[in-house]
Amino acid sequence: ADTAPDLAYAANSLRLADGVPPLPVEILRPLASQGARGLLK
């Protein structure tokens, strides 16, 4: 499954809550298999 869009949404939700613009999904996509650890970094 291509779960990257929903994982990226969760990561970008943190950025938006902190007043930071979201990152493009393609930047976060390679890190999706690493879960929270890779995405939060």
Full PDB file with SEQRES, HELIX, SHEET, SSBOND, CRYST1, ORIGX, SCALE, CONECT and MASTER records, all heavy atoms in Angstrom:
SEQRES   1 A   41  ALA ASP THR ALA PRO ASP LEU ALA TYR ALA ALA ASN SER          
SEQRES   2 A   41  LEU ARG LEU ALA ASP GLY VAL PRO PRO LEU PRO VAL GLU          
SEQRES   3 A   41  ILE LEU ARG PRO LEU ALA SER GLN GLY ALA ARG GLY LEU          
SEQRES   4 A   41  LEU LYS                                                      
HELIX    1 AA1 ALA A    4  ALA A   17  1                                  14    
HELIX    2 AA2 VAL A   25  LEU A   28  1                                   4    
HELIX    3 AA3 ARG A   29  GLN A   34  5                                   6    
HELIX    4 AA4 GLY A   35  LEU A   40  1                                   6    
CRYST1    1.000    1.000    1.000  90.00  90.00  90.00 P 1           1          
ORIGX1      1.000000  0.000000  0.000000        0.00000                         
ORIGX2      0.000000  1.000000  0.000000        0.00000                         
ORIGX3      0.000000  0.000000  1.000000        0.00000                         
SCALE1      1.000000  0.000000  0.000000        0.00000                         
SCALE2      0.000000  1.000000  0.000000        0.00000                         
SCALE3      0.000000  0.000000  1.000000        0.00000                         
ATOM      1  N   ALA A   1       0.826  -1.213   0.000  1.00  0.00           N  
ATOM      2  CA  ALA A   1       0.000   0.000   0.000  1.00  0.00           C  
ATOM      3  C   ALA A   1       0.856   1.258   0.000  1.00  0.00           C  
ATOM      4  O   ALA A   1       1.892   1.321   0.671  1.00  0.00           O  
ATOM      5  CB  ALA A   1      -0.928   0.000   1.214  1.00  0.00           C  
ATOM      6  N   ASP A   2       0.387   2.253  -0.740  1.00  0.00           N  
ATOM      7  CA  ASP A   2       1.025   3.567  -0.745  1.00  0.00           C  
ATOM      8  C   ASP A   2       0.405   4.373   0.388  1.00  0.00           C  
ATOM      9  O   ASP A   2      -0.605   5.058   0.212  1.00  0.00           O  
ATOM     10  CB  ASP A   2       0.813   4.256  -2.091  1.00  0.00           C  
ATOM     11  CG  ASP A   2       1.554   5.588  -2.178  1.00  0.00           C  
ATOM     12  OD1 ASP A   2       2.319   5.904  -1.250  1.00  0.00           O  
ATOM     13  OD2 ASP A   2       1.360   6.301  -3.183  1.00  0.00           O  
ATOM     14  N   THR A   3       1.006   4.280   1.563  1.00  0.00           N  
ATOM     15  CA  THR A   3       0.510   4.960   2.762  1.00  0.00           C  
ATOM     16  C   THR A   3       1.121   6.344   2.934  1.00  0.00           C  
ATOM     17  O   THR A   3       0.731   7.078   3.850  1.00  0.00           O  
ATOM     18  CB  THR A   3       0.819   4.123   4.012  1.00  0.00           C  
ATOM     19  OG1 THR A   3       2.235   3.891   4.077  1.00  0.00           O  
ATOM     20  CG2 THR A   3       0.101   2.776   3.973  1.00  0.00           C  
ATOM     21  N   ALA A   4       2.056   6.709   2.079  1.00  0.00           N  
ATOM     22  CA  ALA A   4       2.791   7.963   2.254  1.00  0.00           C  
ATOM     23  C   ALA A   4       1.892   9.198   2.333  1.00  0.00           C  
ATOM     24  O   ALA A   4       2.153  10.082   3.152  1.00  0.00           O  
ATOM     25  CB  ALA A   4       3.821   8.121   1.132  1.00  0.00           C  
ATOM     26  N   PRO A   5       0.840   9.319   1.510  1.00  0.00           N  
ATOM     27  CA  PRO A   5       0.021  10.540   1.591  1.00  0.00           C  
ATOM     28  C   PRO A   5      -0.596  10.767   2.968  1.00  0.00           C  
ATOM     29  O   PRO A   5      -0.607  11.897   3.467  1.00  0.00           O  
ATOM     30  CB  PRO A   5      -1.054  10.306   0.524  1.00  0.00           C  
ATOM     31  CG  PRO A   5      -0.404   9.391  -0.464  1.00  0.00           C  
ATOM     32  CD  PRO A   5       0.432   8.468   0.375  1.00  0.00           C  
ATOM     33  N   ASP A   6      -1.094   9.695   3.606  1.00  0.00           N  
ATOM     34  CA  ASP A   6      -1.720   9.865   4.917  1.00  0.00           C  
ATOM     35  C   ASP A   6      -0.682  10.050   6.017  1.00  0.00           C  
ATOM     36  O   ASP A   6      -0.913  10.786   6.982  1.00  0.00           O  
ATOM     37  CB  ASP A   6      -2.631   8.674   5.226  1.00  0.00           C  
ATOM     38  CG  ASP A   6      -3.876   8.672   4.348  1.00  0.00           C  
ATOM     39  OD1 ASP A   6      -4.367   9.767   3.997  1.00  0.00           O  
ATOM     40  OD2 ASP A   6      -4.345   7.577   3.992  1.00  0.00           O  
ATOM     41  N   LEU A   7       0.462   9.395   5.892  1.00  0.00           N  
ATOM     42  CA  LEU A   7       1.545   9.612   6.849  1.00  0.00           C  
ATOM     43  C   LEU A   7       2.089  11.033   6.721  1.00  0.00           C  
ATOM     44  O   LEU A   7       2.383  11.693   7.723  1.00  0.00           O  
ATOM     45  CB  LEU A   7       2.654   8.587   6.623  1.00  0.00           C  
ATOM     46  CG  LEU A   7       2.322   7.162   7.063  1.00  0.00           C  
ATOM     47  CD1 LEU A   7       3.324   6.171   6.463  1.00  0.00           C  
ATOM     48  CD2 LEU A   7       2.320   7.059   8.589  1.00  0.00           C  
ATOM     49  N   ALA A   8       2.223  11.519   5.492  1.00  0.00           N  
ATOM     50  CA  ALA A   8       2.695  12.884   5.274  1.00  0.00           C  
ATOM     51  C   ALA A   8       1.696  13.893   5.830  1.00  0.00           C  
ATOM     52  O   ALA A   8       2.091  14.929   6.393  1.00  0.00           O  
ATOM     53  CB  ALA A   8       2.928  13.124   3.785  1.00  0.00           C  
ATOM     54  N   TYR A   9       0.409  13.598   5.683  1.00  0.00           N  
ATOM     55  CA  TYR A   9      -0.614  14.485   6.237  1.00  0.00           C  
ATOM     56  C   TYR A   9      -0.441  14.606   7.749  1.00  0.00           C  
ATOM     57  O   TYR A   9      -0.526  15.717   8.308  1.00  0.00           O  
ATOM     58  CB  TYR A   9      -2.009  13.954   5.914  1.00  0.00           C  
ATOM     59  CG  TYR A   9      -3.109  14.705   6.633  1.00  0.00           C  
ATOM     60  CD1 TYR A   9      -3.627  15.884   6.098  1.00  0.00           C  
ATOM     61  CD2 TYR A   9      -3.607  14.245   7.854  1.00  0.00           C  
ATOM     62  CE1 TYR A   9      -4.616  16.589   6.770  1.00  0.00           C  
ATOM     63  CE2 TYR A   9      -4.598  14.942   8.530  1.00  0.00           C  
ATOM     64  CZ  TYR A   9      -5.099  16.106   7.993  1.00  0.00           C  
ATOM     65  OH  TYR A   9      -6.071  16.812   8.666  1.00  0.00           O  
ATOM     66  N   ALA A  10      -0.202  13.489   8.426  1.00  0.00           N  
ATOM     67  CA  ALA A  10      -0.030  13.525   9.878  1.00  0.00           C  
ATOM     68  C   ALA A  10       1.207  14.340  10.253  1.00  0.00           C  
ATOM     69  O   ALA A  10       1.175  15.132  11.203  1.00  0.00           O  
ATOM     70  CB  ALA A  10       0.073  12.105  10.422  1.00  0.00           C  
ATOM     71  N   ALA A  11       2.291  14.139   9.514  1.00  0.00           N  
ATOM     72  CA  ALA A  11       3.519  14.889   9.804  1.00  0.00           C  
ATOM     73  C   ALA A  11       3.316  16.379   9.529  1.00  0.00           C  
ATOM     74  O   ALA A  11       3.734  17.236  10.322  1.00  0.00           O  
ATOM     75  CB  ALA A  11       4.668  14.341   8.963  1.00  0.00           C  
ATOM     76  N   ASN A  12       2.662  16.702   8.433  1.00  0.00           N  
ATOM     77  CA  ASN A  12       2.429  18.107   8.100  1.00  0.00           C  
ATOM     78  C   ASN A  12       1.426  18.759   9.044  1.00  0.00           C  
ATOM     79  O   ASN A  12       1.449  19.982   9.225  1.00  0.00           O  
ATOM     80  CB  ASN A  12       1.960  18.235   6.657  1.00  0.00           C  
ATOM     81  CG  ASN A  12       3.106  18.244   5.673  1.00  0.00           C  
ATOM     82  OD1 ASN A  12       4.184  18.774   5.969  1.00  0.00           O  
ATOM     83  ND2 ASN A  12       2.897  17.667   4.494  1.00  0.00           N  
ATOM     84  N   SER A  13       0.563  17.965   9.648  1.00  0.00           N  
ATOM     85  CA  SER A  13      -0.376  18.516  10.623  1.00  0.00           C  
ATOM     86  C   SER A  13       0.374  19.089  11.821  1.00  0.00           C  
ATOM     87  O   SER A  13      -0.047  20.095  12.408  1.00  0.00           O  
ATOM     88  CB  SER A  13      -1.367  17.443  11.085  1.00  0.00           C  
ATOM     89  OG  SER A  13      -2.212  17.037  10.022  1.00  0.00           O  
ATOM     90  N   LEU A  14       1.482  18.469  12.187  1.00  0.00           N  
ATOM     91  CA  LEU A  14       2.327  18.998  13.259  1.00  0.00           C  
ATOM     92  C   LEU A  14       2.912  20.343  12.845  1.00  0.00           C  
ATOM     93  O   LEU A  14       2.946  21.293  13.642  1.00  0.00           O  
ATOM     94  CB  LEU A  14       3.457  18.023  13.582  1.00  0.00           C  
ATOM     95  CG  LEU A  14       3.097  16.683  14.197  1.00  0.00           C  
ATOM     96  CD1 LEU A  14       4.361  15.869  14.458  1.00  0.00           C  
ATOM     97  CD2 LEU A  14       2.332  16.863  15.500  1.00  0.00           C  
ATOM     98  N   ARG A  15       3.383  20.415  11.617  1.00  0.00           N  
ATOM     99  CA  ARG A  15       3.970  21.669  11.129  1.00  0.00           C  
ATOM    100  C   ARG A  15       2.921  22.786  11.094  1.00  0.00           C  
ATOM    101  O   ARG A  15       3.172  23.906  11.536  1.00  0.00           O  
ATOM    102  CB  ARG A  15       4.568  21.456   9.740  1.00  0.00           C  
ATOM    103  CG  ARG A  15       5.792  20.564   9.729  1.00  0.00           C  
ATOM    104  CD  ARG A  15       6.272  20.278   8.306  1.00  0.00           C  
ATOM    105  NE  ARG A  15       6.654  21.489   7.592  1.00  0.00           N  
ATOM    106  CZ  ARG A  15       7.874  22.022   7.617  1.00  0.00           C  
ATOM    107  NH1 ARG A  15       8.831  21.460   8.343  1.00  0.00           N  
ATOM    108  NH2 ARG A  15       8.131  23.118   6.924  1.00  0.00           N  
ATOM    109  N   LEU A  16       1.745  22.460  10.587  1.00  0.00           N  
ATOM    110  CA  LEU A  16       0.695  23.460  10.500  1.00  0.00           C  
ATOM    111  C   LEU A  16       0.258  23.933  11.882  1.00  0.00           C  
ATOM    112  O   LEU A  16      -0.006  25.128  12.087  1.00  0.00           O  
ATOM    113  CB  LEU A  16      -0.493  22.894   9.730  1.00  0.00           C  
ATOM    114  CG  LEU A  16      -0.270  22.682   8.231  1.00  0.00           C  
ATOM    115  CD1 LEU A  16      -1.404  21.873   7.628  1.00  0.00           C  
ATOM    116  CD2 LEU A  16      -0.128  24.022   7.512  1.00  0.00           C  
ATOM    117  N   ALA A  17       0.189  23.007  12.842  1.00  0.00           N  
ATOM    118  CA  ALA A  17      -0.187  23.375  14.207  1.00  0.00           C  
ATOM    119  C   ALA A  17       0.836  24.304  14.843  1.00  0.00           C  
ATOM    120  O   ALA A  17       0.498  25.114  15.717  1.00  0.00           O  
ATOM    121  CB  ALA A  17      -0.351  22.113  15.057  1.00  0.00           C  
ATOM    122  N   ASP A  18       2.074  24.204  14.376  1.00  0.00           N  
ATOM    123  CA  ASP A  18       3.140  25.063  14.900  1.00  0.00           C  
ATOM    124  C   ASP A  18       3.355  26.297  14.028  1.00  0.00           C  
ATOM    125  O   ASP A  18       4.320  27.051  14.214  1.00  0.00           O  
ATOM    126  CB  ASP A  18       4.452  24.275  14.991  1.00  0.00           C  
ATOM    127  CG  ASP A  18       4.376  23.170  16.033  1.00  0.00           C  
ATOM    128  OD1 ASP A  18       3.542  23.276  16.950  1.00  0.00           O  
ATOM    129  OD2 ASP A  18       5.152  22.198  15.922  1.00  0.00           O  
ATOM    130  N   GLY A  19       2.463  26.504  13.041  1.00  0.00           N  
ATOM    131  CA  GLY A  19       2.566  27.668  12.195  1.00  0.00           C  
ATOM    132  C   GLY A  19       3.626  27.587  11.124  1.00  0.00           C  
ATOM    133  O   GLY A  19       4.093  28.619  10.617  1.00  0.00           O  
ATOM    134  N   VAL A  20       4.008  26.369  10.751  1.00  0.00           N  
ATOM    135  CA  VAL A  20       5.039  26.153   9.743  1.00  0.00           C  
ATOM    136  C   VAL A  20       4.375  25.582   8.492  1.00  0.00           C  
ATOM    137  O   VAL A  20       3.529  24.680   8.594  1.00  0.00           O  
ATOM    138  CB  VAL A  20       6.130  25.190  10.251  1.00  0.00           C  
ATOM    139  CG1 VAL A  20       7.235  25.012   9.214  1.00  0.00           C  
ATOM    140  CG2 VAL A  20       6.707  25.690  11.566  1.00  0.00           C  
ATOM    141  N   PRO A  21       4.731  26.045   7.293  1.00  0.00           N  
ATOM    142  CA  PRO A  21       4.112  25.528   6.068  1.00  0.00           C  
ATOM    143  C   PRO A  21       4.376  24.028   5.894  1.00  0.00           C  
ATOM    144  O   PRO A  21       5.418  23.519   6.313  1.00  0.00           O  
ATOM    145  CB  PRO A  21       4.797  26.330   4.955  1.00  0.00           C  
ATOM    146  CG  PRO A  21       5.313  27.557   5.618  1.00  0.00           C  
ATOM    147  CD  PRO A  21       5.673  27.146   7.008  1.00  0.00           C  
ATOM    148  N   PRO A  22       3.463  23.298   5.282  1.00  0.00           N  
ATOM    149  CA  PRO A  22       3.650  21.856   5.068  1.00  0.00           C  
ATOM    150  C   PRO A  22       4.750  21.584   4.056  1.00  0.00           C  
ATOM    151  O   PRO A  22       5.058  22.424   3.212  1.00  0.00           O  
ATOM    152  CB  PRO A  22       2.295  21.399   4.542  1.00  0.00           C  
ATOM    153  CG  PRO A  22       1.702  22.627   3.910  1.00  0.00           C  
ATOM    154  CD  PRO A  22       2.168  23.781   4.743  1.00  0.00           C  
ATOM    155  N   LEU A  23       5.331  20.393   4.162  1.00  0.00           N  
ATOM    156  CA  LEU A  23       6.322  19.938   3.192  1.00  0.00           C  
ATOM    157  C   LEU A  23       5.619  19.184   2.065  1.00  0.00           C  
ATOM    158  O   LEU A  23       4.600  18.529   2.303  1.00  0.00           O  
ATOM    159  CB  LEU A  23       7.340  19.009   3.863  1.00  0.00           C  
ATOM    160  CG  LEU A  23       8.276  19.630   4.890  1.00  0.00           C  
ATOM    161  CD1 LEU A  23       9.083  18.528   5.583  1.00  0.00           C  
ATOM    162  CD2 LEU A  23       9.204  20.632   4.240  1.00  0.00           C  
ATOM    163  N   PRO A  24       6.147  19.244   0.848  1.00  0.00           N  
ATOM    164  CA  PRO A  24       5.578  18.433  -0.228  1.00  0.00           C  
ATOM    165  C   PRO A  24       5.634  16.943   0.113  1.00  0.00           C  
ATOM    166  O   PRO A  24       6.595  16.482   0.741  1.00  0.00           O  
ATOM    167  CB  PRO A  24       6.481  18.751  -1.424  1.00  0.00           C  
ATOM    168  CG  PRO A  24       7.102  20.062  -1.099  1.00  0.00           C  
ATOM    169  CD  PRO A  24       7.266  20.082   0.388  1.00  0.00           C  
ATOM    170  N   VAL A  25       4.611  16.219  -0.282  1.00  0.00           N  
ATOM    171  CA  VAL A  25       4.557  14.785  -0.004  1.00  0.00           C  
ATOM    172  C   VAL A  25       5.795  14.079  -0.548  1.00  0.00           C  
ATOM    173  O   VAL A  25       6.314  13.137   0.079  1.00  0.00           O  
ATOM    174  CB  VAL A  25       3.277  14.162  -0.603  1.00  0.00           C  
ATOM    175  CG1 VAL A  25       3.297  12.640  -0.471  1.00  0.00           C  
ATOM    176  CG2 VAL A  25       2.049  14.731   0.072  1.00  0.00           C  
ATOM    177  N   GLU A  26       6.302  14.520  -1.675  1.00  0.00           N  
ATOM    178  CA  GLU A  26       7.436  13.836  -2.296  1.00  0.00           C  
ATOM    179  C   GLU A  26       8.699  13.929  -1.447  1.00  0.00           C  
ATOM    180  O   GLU A  26       9.590  13.073  -1.562  1.00  0.00           O  
ATOM    181  CB  GLU A  26       7.690  14.392  -3.702  1.00  0.00           C  
ATOM    182  CG  GLU A  26       6.593  14.058  -4.695  1.00  0.00           C  
ATOM    183  CD  GLU A  26       6.210  12.582  -4.673  1.00  0.00           C  
ATOM    184  OE1 GLU A  26       7.112  11.724  -4.717  1.00  0.00           O  
ATOM    185  OE2 GLU A  26       5.009  12.283  -4.602  1.00  0.00           O  
ATOM    186  N   ILE A  27       8.811  14.946  -0.606  1.00  0.00           N  
ATOM    187  CA  ILE A  27       9.957  15.039   0.304  1.00  0.00           C  
ATOM    188  C   ILE A  27       9.833  14.007   1.416  1.00  0.00           C  
ATOM    189  O   ILE A  27      10.826  13.402   1.853  1.00  0.00           O  
ATOM    190  CB  ILE A  27      10.072  16.464   0.888  1.00  0.00           C  
ATOM    191  CG1 ILE A  27      10.521  17.439  -0.202  1.00  0.00           C  
ATOM    192  CG2 ILE A  27      11.051  16.500   2.073  1.00  0.00           C  
ATOM    193  CD1 ILE A  27      10.659  18.872   0.264  1.00  0.00           C  
ATOM    194  N   LEU A  28       8.621  13.786   1.881  1.00  0.00           N  
ATOM    195  CA  LEU A  28       8.390  12.858   2.996  1.00  0.00           C  
ATOM    196  C   LEU A  28       8.239  11.409   2.534  1.00  0.00           C  
ATOM    197  O   LEU A  28       8.450  10.482   3.315  1.00  0.00           O  
ATOM    198  CB  LEU A  28       7.138  13.281   3.768  1.00  0.00           C  
ATOM    199  CG  LEU A  28       7.219  14.662   4.444  1.00  0.00           C  
ATOM    200  CD1 LEU A  28       5.876  15.055   5.019  1.00  0.00           C  
ATOM    201  CD2 LEU A  28       8.286  14.658   5.542  1.00  0.00           C  
ATOM    202  N   ARG A  29       7.879  11.205   1.270  1.00  0.00           N  
ATOM    203  CA  ARG A  29       7.598   9.863   0.766  1.00  0.00           C  
ATOM    204  C   ARG A  29       8.723   8.856   1.034  1.00  0.00           C  
ATOM    205  O   ARG A  29       8.454   7.739   1.496  1.00  0.00           O  
ATOM    206  CB  ARG A  29       7.281   9.912  -0.731  1.00  0.00           C  
ATOM    207  CG  ARG A  29       7.026   8.564  -1.378  1.00  0.00           C  
ATOM    208  CD  ARG A  29       6.647   8.716  -2.839  1.00  0.00           C  
ATOM    209  NE  ARG A  29       5.362   9.370  -2.972  1.00  0.00           N  
ATOM    210  CZ  ARG A  29       4.199   8.722  -2.900  1.00  0.00           C  
ATOM    211  NH1 ARG A  29       4.185   7.409  -2.700  1.00  0.00           N  
ATOM    212  NH2 ARG A  29       3.072   9.373  -3.039  1.00  0.00           N  
ATOM    213  N   PRO A  30      10.012   9.170   0.754  1.00  0.00           N  
ATOM    214  CA  PRO A  30      11.058   8.163   0.975  1.00  0.00           C  
ATOM    215  C   PRO A  30      11.198   7.721   2.429  1.00  0.00           C  
ATOM    216  O   PRO A  30      11.776   6.666   2.697  1.00  0.00           O  
ATOM    217  CB  PRO A  30      12.345   8.881   0.500  1.00  0.00           C  
ATOM    218  CG  PRO A  30      11.862   9.959  -0.404  1.00  0.00           C  
ATOM    219  CD  PRO A  30      10.555  10.403   0.162  1.00  0.00           C  
ATOM    220  N   LEU A  31      10.641   8.516   3.355  1.00  0.00           N  
ATOM    221  CA  LEU A  31      10.793   8.222   4.784  1.00  0.00           C  
ATOM    222  C   LEU A  31       9.583   7.485   5.350  1.00  0.00           C  
ATOM    223  O   LEU A  31       9.568   7.146   6.528  1.00  0.00           O  
ATOM    224  CB  LEU A  31      11.008   9.524   5.561  1.00  0.00           C  
ATOM    225  CG  LEU A  31      12.189  10.372   5.065  1.00  0.00           C  
ATOM    226  CD1 LEU A  31      12.165  11.748   5.710  1.00  0.00           C  
ATOM    227  CD2 LEU A  31      13.508   9.671   5.345  1.00  0.00           C  
ATOM    228  N   ALA A  32       8.580   7.241   4.520  1.00  0.00           N  
ATOM    229  CA  ALA A  32       7.335   6.662   5.018  1.00  0.00           C  
ATOM    230  C   ALA A  32       7.538   5.287   5.644  1.00  0.00           C  
ATOM    231  O   ALA A  32       6.868   4.938   6.625  1.00  0.00           O  
ATOM    232  CB  ALA A  32       6.296   6.594   3.903  1.00  0.00           C  
ATOM    233  N   SER A  33       8.458   4.494   5.102  1.00  0.00           N  
ATOM    234  CA  SER A  33       8.692   3.162   5.665  1.00  0.00           C  
ATOM    235  C   SER A  33       9.364   3.219   7.030  1.00  0.00           C  
ATOM    236  O   SER A  33       9.382   2.226   7.757  1.00  0.00           O  
ATOM    237  CB  SER A  33       9.555   2.326   4.707  1.00  0.00           C  
ATOM    238  OG  SER A  33       8.816   1.946   3.576  1.00  0.00           O  
ATOM    239  N   GLN A  34       9.919   4.380   7.388  1.00  0.00           N  
ATOM    240  CA  GLN A  34      10.597   4.521   8.670  1.00  0.00           C  
ATOM    241  C   GLN A  34       9.661   4.959   9.786  1.00  0.00           C  
ATOM    242  O   GLN A  34      10.087   5.113  10.927  1.00  0.00           O  
ATOM    243  CB  GLN A  34      11.756   5.517   8.529  1.00  0.00           C  
ATOM    244  CG  GLN A  34      12.798   5.090   7.512  1.00  0.00           C  
ATOM    245  CD  GLN A  34      13.902   6.110   7.370  1.00  0.00           C  
ATOM    246  OE1 GLN A  34      14.162   6.913   8.270  1.00  0.00           O  
ATOM    247  NE2 GLN A  34      14.570   6.097   6.225  1.00  0.00           N  
ATOM    248  N   GLY A  35       8.384   5.193   9.451  1.00  0.00           N  
ATOM    249  CA  GLY A  35       7.408   5.538  10.464  1.00  0.00           C  
ATOM    250  C   GLY A  35       7.678   6.885  11.120  1.00  0.00           C  
ATOM    251  O   GLY A  35       8.294   7.778  10.535  1.00  0.00           O  
ATOM    252  N   ALA A  36       7.212   7.011  12.360  1.00  0.00           N  
ATOM    253  CA  ALA A  36       7.301   8.292  13.065  1.00  0.00           C  
ATOM    254  C   ALA A  36       8.731   8.782  13.191  1.00  0.00           C  
ATOM    255  O   ALA A  36       8.999   9.977  13.046  1.00  0.00           O  
ATOM    256  CB  ALA A  36       6.661   8.154  14.442  1.00  0.00           C  
ATOM    257  N   ARG A  37       9.657   7.892  13.440  1.00  0.00           N  
ATOM    258  CA  ARG A  37      11.049   8.287  13.648  1.00  0.00           C  
ATOM    259  C   ARG A  37      11.594   9.065  12.443  1.00  0.00           C  
ATOM    260  O   ARG A  37      12.138  10.153  12.575  1.00  0.00           O  
ATOM    261  CB  ARG A  37      11.915   7.059  13.921  1.00  0.00           C  
ATOM    262  CG  ARG A  37      13.379   7.368  14.210  1.00  0.00           C  
ATOM    263  CD  ARG A  37      14.164   6.069  14.308  1.00  0.00           C  
ATOM    264  NE  ARG A  37      13.671   5.231  15.383  1.00  0.00           N  
ATOM    265  CZ  ARG A  37      14.301   5.061  16.547  1.00  0.00           C  
ATOM    266  NH1 ARG A  37      15.448   5.667  16.761  1.00  0.00           N  
ATOM    267  NH2 ARG A  37      13.793   4.281  17.470  1.00  0.00           N  
ATOM    268  N   GLY A  38      11.434   8.493  11.243  1.00  0.00           N  
ATOM    269  CA  GLY A  38      11.961   9.147  10.053  1.00  0.00           C  
ATOM    270  C   GLY A  38      11.181  10.384   9.665  1.00  0.00           C  
ATOM    271  O   GLY A  38      11.758  11.404   9.278  1.00  0.00           O  
ATOM    272  N   LEU A  39       9.852  10.311   9.785  1.00  0.00           N  
ATOM    273  CA  LEU A  39       9.019  11.434   9.369  1.00  0.00           C  
ATOM    274  C   LEU A  39       9.171  12.638  10.292  1.00  0.00           C  
ATOM    275  O   LEU A  39       9.200  13.786   9.835  1.00  0.00           O  
ATOM    276  CB  LEU A  39       7.557  10.991   9.306  1.00  0.00           C  
ATOM    277  CG  LEU A  39       7.235  10.043   8.149  1.00  0.00           C  
ATOM    278  CD1 LEU A  39       5.908   9.339   8.376  1.00  0.00           C  
ATOM    279  CD2 LEU A  39       7.198  10.801   6.823  1.00  0.00           C  
ATOM    280  N   LEU A  40       9.284  12.396  11.589  1.00  0.00           N  
ATOM    281  CA  LEU A  40       9.424  13.511  12.524  1.00  0.00           C  
ATOM    282  C   LEU A  40      10.779  14.191  12.394  1.00  0.00           C  
ATOM    283  O   LEU A  40      10.890  15.404  12.579  1.00  0.00           O  
ATOM    284  CB  LEU A  40       9.212  13.028  13.963  1.00  0.00           C  
ATOM    285  CG  LEU A  40       7.790  12.607  14.311  1.00  0.00           C  
ATOM    286  CD1 LEU A  40       7.698  12.171  15.763  1.00  0.00           C  
ATOM    287  CD2 LEU A  40       6.817  13.744  14.057  1.00  0.00           C  
ATOM    288  N   LYS A  41      11.796  13.427  12.069  1.00  0.00           N  
ATOM    289  CA  LYS A  41      13.108  14.035  11.863  1.00  0.00           C  
ATOM    290  C   LYS A  41      13.065  15.016  10.706  1.00  0.00           C  
ATOM    291  O   LYS A  41      13.608  16.131  10.783  1.00  0.00           O  
ATOM    292  CB  LYS A  41      14.160  12.961  11.610  1.00  0.00           C  
ATOM    293  CG  LYS A  41      15.563  13.523  11.424  1.00  0.00           C  
ATOM    294  CD  LYS A  41      16.579  12.413  11.203  1.00  0.00           C  
ATOM    295  CE  LYS A  41      17.981  12.988  10.998  1.00  0.00           C  
ATOM    296  NZ  LYS A  41      18.982  11.903  10.769  1.00  0.00           N  
TER     297      LYS A  41                                                      
MASTER        0    0    0    4    0    0    0    6  296    1    0    4          
END                                                                             
